[in-house]
């Protein structure tokens, strides 16, 4: 067994204890056995089946902050926080699948599509979320940072729901309106819908349990002027200057936000790019962003490069202004269309992929990635390390896991 597999196995073992605690609680409340078995099935089907990167990051971060291996007690407490984040993820996904009328999740039917589940899945998603606060109360109520834990989970959930709302009203699957799309709208969606709970929350939880003081003033991160994209891709909007003279965040949690939120945005841009560029064999799924009318980085970059004021393309200098207008028309006529021909091929999707290639989206992504990674490395290098506090290795570990990934 590899080290990675052993780490995952240990983390999954902790879930068995946590699940037993949750099942014992509902049974202890006098619920009928039918309800107990339903809840158990809900937990088993929806919580432990993913990559578990968010949850395991709590354990990894706590260990880096400590500077040595965690004791069994420390490990379990970190694992509880990690599984609370996985419960939050499960809550989001069960609800999201219903909103999107999705068919499958993680290679199996979505929970709501199973026999006898249906709309009961709405309540099941609520129970997944409520389990978080039962576990926090049981394991952390006596800790001085208990209220801060509650605050971080509530605030992160609220922010994620903001992002979900903006996503749903910007890109409904059954109504294509590319006038609503923009790179700034994309940033807003991915930062609020993904980055806060996937990147910042695991690190903040580990910092709290490791004794890193939570500031009196709520940690802050402003979107204003923080785009790390090259000007050709950001549309000339305010772009963060990667200089050493930039004002440093005022506390460790704001420092974490200043690195992890852009890192989370970079991760989602990667996902969007891979959905278009990677083969199904490598990606282990079929990319559907074009067909599903997703407000992805790729389509927004294509829209920017073909906007009415553009007369040239920095990523394909042979493209004339007239051709850019033609490409824009092709994009608007074919994006988000689901119809297939007699051979079962979606020609609309094929045309969109062809113009992505013609526009040089691959070169645009390379330019984006290199700038973002360069800025992130500078921010990581500027982190002030304290004993028992933030360590640069926390952020290097996150960046190392996603830089140049292929799936």
Protein backbone atom coordinates (compact mmCIF):
# COMPACT_ATOMS: atom_id res chain seq x y z
CA UNK A 1 0.00 0.00 0.00
CA UNK A 2 1.36 3.41 -0.97
CA UNK A 3 1.72 6.20 1.59
CA UNK A 4 -1.18 8.05 -0.05
CA UNK A 5 -3.39 4.96 0.07
CA UNK A 6 -2.45 4.34 3.72
CA UNK A 7 -3.32 7.93 4.64
CA UNK A 8 -6.67 7.61 2.95
CA UNK A 9 -7.39 4.27 4.64
CA UNK A 10 -6.67 5.77 8.06
CA UNK A 11 -8.90 8.75 7.33
CA UNK A 12 -11.70 6.46 6.15
CA UNK A 13 -11.35 4.39 9.30
CA UNK A 14 -12.08 7.50 11.35
CA UNK A 15 -15.32 7.93 9.41
CA UNK A 16 -16.58 4.58 10.70
CA UNK A 17 -16.32 5.88 14.26
CA UNK A 18 -17.94 9.19 13.30
CA UNK A 19 -20.76 7.45 11.44
CA UNK A 20 -21.40 5.20 14.43
CA UNK A 21 -21.68 8.30 16.64
CA UNK A 22 -24.25 9.85 14.31
CA UNK A 23 -26.25 6.63 14.04
CA UNK A 24 -26.18 6.12 17.81
CA UNK A 25 -27.51 9.64 18.29
CA UNK A 26 -30.53 9.27 16.00
CA UNK A 27 -31.27 5.85 17.49
CA UNK A 28 -30.94 7.31 20.99
CA UNK A 29 -33.56 9.92 20.10
CA UNK A 30 -36.05 7.08 19.71
CA UNK A 31 -36.34 7.20 15.94
CA UNK A 32 -37.79 4.04 14.33
CA UNK A 33 -35.31 1.57 12.90
CA UNK A 34 -36.52 2.38 9.38
CA UNK A 35 -35.40 6.00 9.86
CA UNK A 36 -32.09 4.88 11.37
CA UNK A 37 -31.35 2.64 8.38
CA UNK A 38 -32.36 5.41 5.95
CA UNK A 39 -29.97 7.86 7.62
CA UNK A 40 -27.19 5.28 7.62
CA UNK A 41 -27.71 4.68 3.89
CA UNK A 42 -27.67 8.44 3.30
CA UNK A 43 -24.32 8.79 5.08
CA UNK A 44 -22.72 5.78 3.41
CA UNK A 45 -23.87 6.68 -0.10
CA UNK A 46 -23.10 10.39 -0.10
CA UNK A 47 -20.18 11.12 2.22
CA UNK A 48 -17.12 8.85 1.85
CA UNK A 49 -17.03 8.18 -1.90
CA UNK A 50 -15.14 11.21 -3.25
CA UNK A 51 -11.45 12.10 -3.44
CA UNK A 52 -11.52 13.28 0.21
CA UNK A 53 -8.92 15.97 -0.55
CA UNK A 54 -10.75 18.61 1.50
CA UNK A 55 -11.07 16.48 4.61
CA UNK A 56 -7.58 15.01 4.49
CA UNK A 57 -6.14 18.51 4.06
CA UNK A 58 -7.18 19.31 7.64
CA UNK A 59 -5.05 16.44 8.93
CA UNK A 60 -2.12 17.32 6.66
CA UNK A 61 -2.21 21.00 7.63
CA UNK A 62 -2.43 20.26 11.35
CA UNK A 63 0.61 18.01 11.05
CA UNK A 64 2.60 20.66 9.15
CA UNK A 65 1.75 23.31 11.77
CA UNK A 66 2.79 20.98 14.61
CA UNK A 67 5.99 20.01 12.83
CA UNK A 68 5.68 16.34 13.77
CA UNK A 69 3.26 13.44 13.65
CA UNK A 70 -0.07 13.96 15.41
CA UNK A 71 -0.96 11.85 18.43
CA UNK A 72 -3.92 9.51 18.01
CA UNK A 73 -6.15 11.96 19.89
CA UNK A 74 -4.95 14.90 17.79
CA UNK A 75 -5.39 12.90 14.61
CA UNK A 76 -8.98 11.97 15.44
CA UNK A 77 -9.94 15.56 16.25
CA UNK A 78 -8.43 16.72 12.95
CA UNK A 79 -10.25 13.88 11.19
CA UNK A 80 -13.55 14.94 12.77
CA UNK A 81 -13.09 18.43 11.33
CA UNK A 82 -12.09 16.91 8.01
CA UNK A 83 -15.20 14.76 7.90
CA UNK A 84 -17.32 17.78 8.83
CA UNK A 85 -16.05 19.39 5.63
CA UNK A 86 -16.83 16.19 3.69
CA UNK A 87 -20.34 16.29 5.17
CA UNK A 88 -20.64 19.88 3.99
CA UNK A 89 -19.52 18.77 0.52
CA UNK A 90 -22.09 15.95 0.55
CA UNK A 91 -24.84 18.39 1.56
CA UNK A 92 -23.93 20.69 -1.33
CA UNK A 93 -23.74 17.87 -3.88
CA UNK A 94 -27.02 16.18 -2.98
CA UNK A 95 -28.81 19.52 -3.28
CA UNK A 96 -26.87 20.59 -6.39
CA UNK A 97 -27.73 17.36 -8.22
CA UNK A 98 -31.42 18.01 -7.65
CA UNK A 99 -31.17 21.63 -8.82
CA UNK A 100 -29.31 20.53 -11.97
CA UNK A 101 -31.43 17.38 -12.46
CA UNK A 102 -28.15 15.49 -12.77
CA UNK A 103 -28.11 11.79 -13.60
CA UNK A 104 -24.91 10.49 -12.03
CA UNK A 105 -22.43 11.51 -9.38
CA UNK A 106 -19.08 9.78 -8.78
CA UNK A 107 -19.95 7.08 -11.27
CA UNK A 108 -23.25 6.07 -9.68
CA UNK A 109 -26.83 7.37 -9.82
CA UNK A 110 -27.45 10.59 -7.92
CA UNK A 111 -29.00 9.97 -4.51
CA UNK A 112 -32.35 11.54 -5.39
CA UNK A 113 -32.70 9.24 -8.42
CA UNK A 114 -32.54 6.03 -6.38
CA UNK A 115 -35.79 4.08 -5.90
CA UNK A 116 -37.95 5.49 -3.10
CA UNK A 117 -35.63 8.48 -2.48
CA UNK A 118 -36.93 11.23 -4.77
CA UNK A 119 -37.75 14.50 -3.04
CA UNK A 120 -36.93 13.03 0.38
CA UNK A 121 -33.36 13.83 -0.68
CA UNK A 122 -34.10 17.46 0.22
CA UNK A 123 -34.45 16.53 3.88
CA UNK A 124 -31.53 14.11 3.58
CA UNK A 125 -29.30 16.99 2.47
CA UNK A 126 -30.41 18.99 5.52
CA UNK A 127 -29.50 16.07 7.78
CA UNK A 128 -26.02 15.87 6.27
CA UNK A 129 -25.46 19.53 7.09
CA UNK A 130 -26.91 19.24 10.59
CA UNK A 131 -24.56 16.36 11.35
CA UNK A 132 -21.69 18.85 11.15
CA UNK A 133 -22.95 20.86 14.10
CA UNK A 134 -23.72 17.78 16.16
CA UNK A 135 -20.11 16.63 15.72
CA UNK A 136 -18.65 20.06 16.45
CA UNK A 137 -20.72 20.26 19.63
CA UNK A 138 -19.76 16.76 20.74
CA UNK A 139 -16.03 17.09 20.15
CA UNK A 140 -15.20 20.81 20.47
CA UNK A 141 -17.80 22.44 22.73
CA UNK A 142 -15.33 22.91 25.60
CA UNK A 143 -12.62 24.41 23.41
CA UNK A 144 -12.01 28.17 23.52
CA UNK A 145 -12.23 28.27 19.71
CA UNK A 146 -15.62 26.49 19.51
CA UNK A 147 -17.53 29.66 18.60
CA UNK A 148 -14.93 30.44 15.93
CA UNK A 149 -15.40 26.98 14.43
CA UNK A 150 -19.15 27.53 14.27
CA UNK A 151 -18.63 30.95 12.73
CA UNK A 152 -16.28 29.64 10.03
CA UNK A 153 -18.61 26.79 9.03
CA UNK A 154 -21.70 29.00 8.97
CA UNK A 155 -19.98 31.82 7.09
CA UNK A 156 -18.39 29.47 4.55
CA UNK A 157 -21.71 27.73 3.92
CA UNK A 158 -23.41 31.08 3.39
CA UNK A 159 -20.71 32.21 0.95
CA UNK A 160 -20.95 28.94 -0.99
CA UNK A 161 -24.69 29.42 -1.32
CA UNK A 162 -24.09 32.92 -2.72
CA UNK A 163 -21.90 31.35 -5.37
CA UNK A 164 -24.46 28.66 -6.15
CA UNK A 165 -27.17 31.28 -6.61
CA UNK A 166 -25.07 33.36 -9.02
CA UNK A 167 -24.17 30.21 -10.96
CA UNK A 168 -27.79 29.09 -11.26
CA UNK A 169 -29.11 32.44 -12.48
CA UNK A 170 -26.15 33.07 -14.81
CA UNK A 171 -26.07 29.76 -16.66
CA UNK A 172 -29.34 27.80 -16.48
CA UNK A 173 -28.90 24.64 -18.52
CA UNK A 174 -32.10 25.21 -20.52
CA UNK A 175 -31.56 28.88 -21.45
CA UNK A 176 -28.39 30.15 -23.10
CA UNK A 177 -27.65 33.86 -22.68
CA UNK A 178 -23.97 34.55 -23.25
CA UNK A 179 -24.51 38.25 -22.50
CA UNK A 180 -24.57 37.26 -18.82
CA UNK A 181 -21.14 35.64 -19.07
CA UNK A 182 -17.85 37.37 -18.25
CA UNK A 183 -14.56 36.48 -16.63
CA UNK A 184 -15.44 38.63 -13.63
CA UNK A 185 -18.75 36.77 -13.23
CA UNK A 186 -16.84 33.50 -13.55
CA UNK A 187 -14.41 34.60 -10.82
CA UNK A 188 -17.26 35.50 -8.51
CA UNK A 189 -18.92 32.11 -8.99
CA UNK A 190 -15.84 29.95 -8.53
CA UNK A 191 -14.43 31.87 -5.58
CA UNK A 192 -17.68 31.81 -3.64
CA UNK A 193 -18.94 28.41 -4.81
CA UNK A 194 -15.66 26.51 -4.58
CA UNK A 195 -12.61 28.29 -3.19
CA UNK A 196 -13.83 29.22 0.30
CA UNK A 197 -15.01 25.76 1.33
CA UNK A 198 -12.54 23.67 -0.68
CA UNK A 199 -9.32 25.53 0.09
CA UNK A 200 -9.69 28.04 2.93
CA UNK A 201 -12.00 26.07 5.25
CA UNK A 202 -9.70 23.01 5.70
CA UNK A 203 -6.72 25.21 6.54
CA UNK A 204 -8.70 27.49 8.87
CA UNK A 205 -10.02 24.46 10.78
CA UNK A 206 -6.51 23.07 11.20
CA UNK A 207 -5.23 26.48 12.33
CA UNK A 208 -7.94 26.77 14.98
CA UNK A 209 -7.39 23.30 16.45
CA UNK A 210 -3.64 23.96 16.42
CA UNK A 211 -4.03 27.05 18.56
CA UNK A 212 -3.43 29.74 15.93
CA UNK A 213 -5.34 32.71 17.44
CA UNK A 214 -8.42 33.84 15.55
CA UNK A 215 -8.39 37.64 15.11
CA UNK A 216 -10.94 39.94 16.73
CA UNK A 217 -11.76 41.42 13.34
CA UNK A 218 -13.10 38.92 10.83
CA UNK A 219 -10.35 37.81 8.41
CA UNK A 220 -10.81 39.56 5.11
CA UNK A 221 -10.13 39.10 1.45
CA UNK A 222 -11.26 41.58 -1.18
CA UNK A 223 -11.87 40.62 -4.81
CA UNK A 224 -11.05 44.16 -5.88
CA UNK A 225 -7.86 44.28 -7.90
CA UNK A 226 -6.94 40.67 -7.16
CA UNK A 227 -7.22 39.09 -10.62
CA UNK A 228 -3.96 37.28 -11.31
CA UNK A 229 -4.67 36.72 -15.02
CA UNK A 230 -2.52 38.37 -17.71
CA UNK A 231 -4.08 41.53 -19.14
CA UNK A 232 -4.87 39.75 -22.42
CA UNK A 233 -7.14 37.36 -20.52
CA UNK A 234 -8.45 39.62 -17.77
CA UNK A 235 -9.77 42.09 -20.32
CA UNK A 236 -7.60 44.87 -18.96
CA UNK A 237 -9.48 44.93 -15.63
CA UNK A 238 -7.65 45.56 -12.38
CA UNK A 239 -4.91 42.99 -12.06
CA UNK A 240 -2.96 42.31 -8.88
CA UNK A 241 0.64 43.39 -9.11
CA UNK A 242 2.95 40.70 -7.68
CA UNK A 243 5.27 43.07 -5.84
CA UNK A 244 6.96 42.73 -2.49
CA UNK A 245 5.75 46.18 -1.54
CA UNK A 246 2.08 45.20 -1.51
CA UNK A 247 0.53 45.62 1.93
CA UNK A 248 0.69 42.37 3.88
CA UNK A 249 -2.45 40.81 5.39
CA UNK A 250 -2.96 41.79 9.01
CA UNK A 251 -3.36 38.31 10.55
CA UNK A 252 -2.59 34.63 9.75
CA UNK A 253 -6.13 33.88 8.60
CA UNK A 254 -6.15 36.80 6.16
CA UNK A 255 -2.74 35.63 4.95
CA UNK A 256 -4.24 32.20 4.30
CA UNK A 257 -7.17 33.78 2.44
CA UNK A 258 -4.83 35.87 0.25
CA UNK A 259 -3.19 32.67 -1.01
CA UNK A 260 -5.91 30.03 -0.84
CA UNK A 261 -8.71 31.96 -2.56
CA UNK A 262 -6.66 32.67 -5.71
CA UNK A 263 -5.38 29.08 -5.48
CA UNK A 264 -8.96 27.83 -5.43
CA UNK A 265 -9.78 29.99 -8.44
CA UNK A 266 -6.76 28.56 -10.27
CA UNK A 267 -7.96 25.03 -9.43
CA UNK A 268 -11.38 25.69 -10.98
CA UNK A 269 -9.88 27.32 -14.07
CA UNK A 270 -7.83 24.13 -14.45
CA UNK A 271 -11.01 22.07 -14.17
CA UNK A 272 -12.68 24.18 -16.84
CA UNK A 273 -9.69 23.89 -19.17
CA UNK A 274 -9.36 20.12 -18.67
CA UNK A 275 -13.07 19.67 -19.40
CA UNK A 276 -12.30 20.99 -22.89
CA UNK A 277 -8.74 19.78 -23.47
CA UNK A 278 -8.30 16.41 -21.75
CA UNK A 279 -9.41 13.13 -23.30
CA UNK A 280 -12.10 11.11 -21.50
CA UNK A 281 -9.50 8.40 -20.89
CA UNK A 282 -7.30 10.82 -18.94
CA UNK A 283 -10.09 12.82 -17.33
CA UNK A 284 -12.04 9.65 -16.41
CA UNK A 285 -15.24 11.34 -17.48
CA UNK A 286 -16.69 13.03 -20.56
CA UNK A 287 -16.44 16.81 -20.50
CA UNK A 288 -19.89 18.42 -20.71
CA UNK A 289 -19.32 22.12 -19.99
CA UNK A 290 -20.06 23.21 -23.57
CA UNK A 291 -23.26 21.17 -23.86
CA UNK A 292 -24.43 22.12 -20.35
CA UNK A 293 -24.04 25.88 -20.92
CA UNK A 294 -21.49 26.24 -18.12
CA UNK A 295 -20.09 29.68 -17.35
CA UNK A 296 -16.57 28.29 -17.64
CA UNK A 297 -13.22 30.03 -17.94
CA UNK A 298 -12.80 28.65 -21.45
CA UNK A 299 -15.97 30.12 -22.97
CA UNK A 300 -15.46 33.40 -21.15
CA UNK A 301 -11.92 33.65 -22.53
CA UNK A 302 -13.27 32.94 -26.02
CA UNK A 303 -15.95 35.61 -25.54
CA UNK A 304 -13.34 38.13 -24.42
CA UNK A 305 -11.06 37.37 -27.37
CA UNK A 306 -13.98 37.85 -29.80
CA UNK A 307 -15.61 40.87 -28.15
CA UNK A 308 -16.71 43.63 -30.59
CA UNK A 309 -13.76 45.90 -29.72
CA UNK A 310 -11.14 43.27 -30.59
CA UNK A 311 -9.36 43.54 -33.96
CA UNK A 312 -6.59 41.01 -33.26
CA UNK A 313 -5.88 37.94 -31.17
CA UNK A 314 -2.66 37.79 -29.10
CA UNK A 315 -2.83 33.98 -28.99
CA UNK A 316 -3.25 33.53 -32.76
CA UNK A 317 -1.92 36.56 -34.60
CA UNK A 318 -3.10 35.27 -37.99
CA UNK A 319 -6.75 35.78 -37.00
CA UNK A 320 -8.26 38.77 -38.78
CA UNK A 321 -10.86 41.11 -37.27
CA UNK A 322 -13.41 39.75 -39.75
CA UNK A 323 -12.65 36.17 -38.70
CA UNK A 324 -13.05 37.12 -35.04
CA UNK A 325 -16.58 38.34 -35.85
CA UNK A 326 -17.31 35.04 -37.61
CA UNK A 327 -15.99 33.04 -34.67
CA UNK A 328 -18.16 35.03 -32.29
CA UNK A 329 -21.24 34.20 -34.37
CA UNK A 330 -20.33 30.50 -34.42
CA UNK A 331 -19.89 30.51 -30.66
CA UNK A 332 -23.22 32.21 -30.01
CA UNK A 333 -25.04 29.87 -32.41
CA UNK A 334 -23.66 26.64 -30.98
CA UNK A 335 -22.81 27.01 -27.28
CA UNK A 336 -25.09 25.11 -24.91
CA UNK A 337 -26.88 23.18 -27.67
CA UNK A 338 -27.66 19.52 -26.92
CA UNK A 339 -28.97 18.22 -30.26
CA UNK A 340 -27.11 15.28 -31.86
CA UNK A 341 -27.04 14.19 -35.48
CA UNK A 342 -28.11 10.80 -36.87
CA UNK A 343 -24.73 9.33 -35.90
CA UNK A 344 -25.17 10.49 -32.30
CA UNK A 345 -22.58 13.27 -32.58
CA UNK A 346 -23.20 16.74 -31.18
CA UNK A 347 -21.93 18.88 -34.07
CA UNK A 348 -22.58 22.06 -32.07
CA UNK A 349 -20.07 20.95 -29.43
CA UNK A 350 -17.56 19.99 -32.11
CA UNK A 351 -17.79 23.45 -33.71
CA UNK A 352 -17.21 25.17 -30.37
CA UNK A 353 -14.14 23.03 -29.67
CA UNK A 354 -12.79 23.86 -33.14
CA UNK A 355 -13.02 27.60 -32.54
CA UNK A 356 -11.42 27.19 -29.10
CA UNK A 357 -8.45 25.66 -30.88
CA UNK A 358 -8.42 28.36 -33.54
CA UNK A 359 -8.47 31.12 -30.92
CA UNK A 360 -5.48 29.61 -29.16
CA UNK A 361 -7.22 28.86 -25.86
CA UNK A 362 -4.42 26.43 -24.96
CA UNK A 363 -1.85 29.24 -25.22
CA UNK A 364 -4.16 31.53 -23.25
CA UNK A 365 -4.35 28.95 -20.48
CA UNK A 366 -0.57 28.51 -20.41
CA UNK A 367 -0.14 32.28 -20.02
CA UNK A 368 -2.76 32.34 -17.25
CA UNK A 369 -1.22 29.39 -15.39
CA UNK A 370 2.34 30.67 -15.44
CA UNK A 371 1.37 34.12 -14.16
CA UNK A 372 -0.90 32.78 -11.44
CA UNK A 373 1.65 30.26 -10.21
CA UNK A 374 4.37 32.91 -10.22
CA UNK A 375 2.28 35.28 -8.10
CA UNK A 376 1.24 32.50 -5.73
CA UNK A 377 4.86 31.45 -5.21
CA UNK A 378 5.77 35.04 -4.32
CA UNK A 379 2.92 35.24 -1.82
CA UNK A 380 3.92 31.92 -0.28
CA UNK A 381 7.56 33.03 0.00
CA UNK A 382 6.38 36.17 1.85
CA UNK A 383 4.56 34.18 4.57
CA UNK A 384 6.02 34.90 8.00
CA UNK A 385 6.55 31.61 9.79
CA UNK A 386 6.01 31.28 13.53
CA UNK A 387 6.42 28.24 15.77
CA UNK A 388 3.02 26.60 16.05
CA UNK A 389 1.65 28.94 13.39
CA UNK A 390 1.50 29.27 9.62
CA UNK A 391 4.11 27.44 7.58
CA UNK A 392 4.95 27.98 3.93
CA UNK A 393 4.81 24.22 3.46
CA UNK A 394 1.01 24.30 3.92
CA UNK A 395 0.60 26.36 0.78
CA UNK A 396 3.42 24.67 -1.13
CA UNK A 397 1.65 21.37 -0.53
CA UNK A 398 -1.64 22.67 -1.94
CA UNK A 399 0.06 24.21 -4.97
CA UNK A 400 2.15 21.10 -5.58
CA UNK A 401 -0.95 18.93 -5.77
CA UNK A 402 -2.58 20.93 -8.54
CA UNK A 403 0.19 22.58 -10.59
CA UNK A 404 0.28 21.05 -14.10
CA UNK A 405 -2.24 18.37 -13.13
CA UNK A 406 -3.78 16.49 -16.05
CA UNK A 407 -7.03 15.26 -14.48
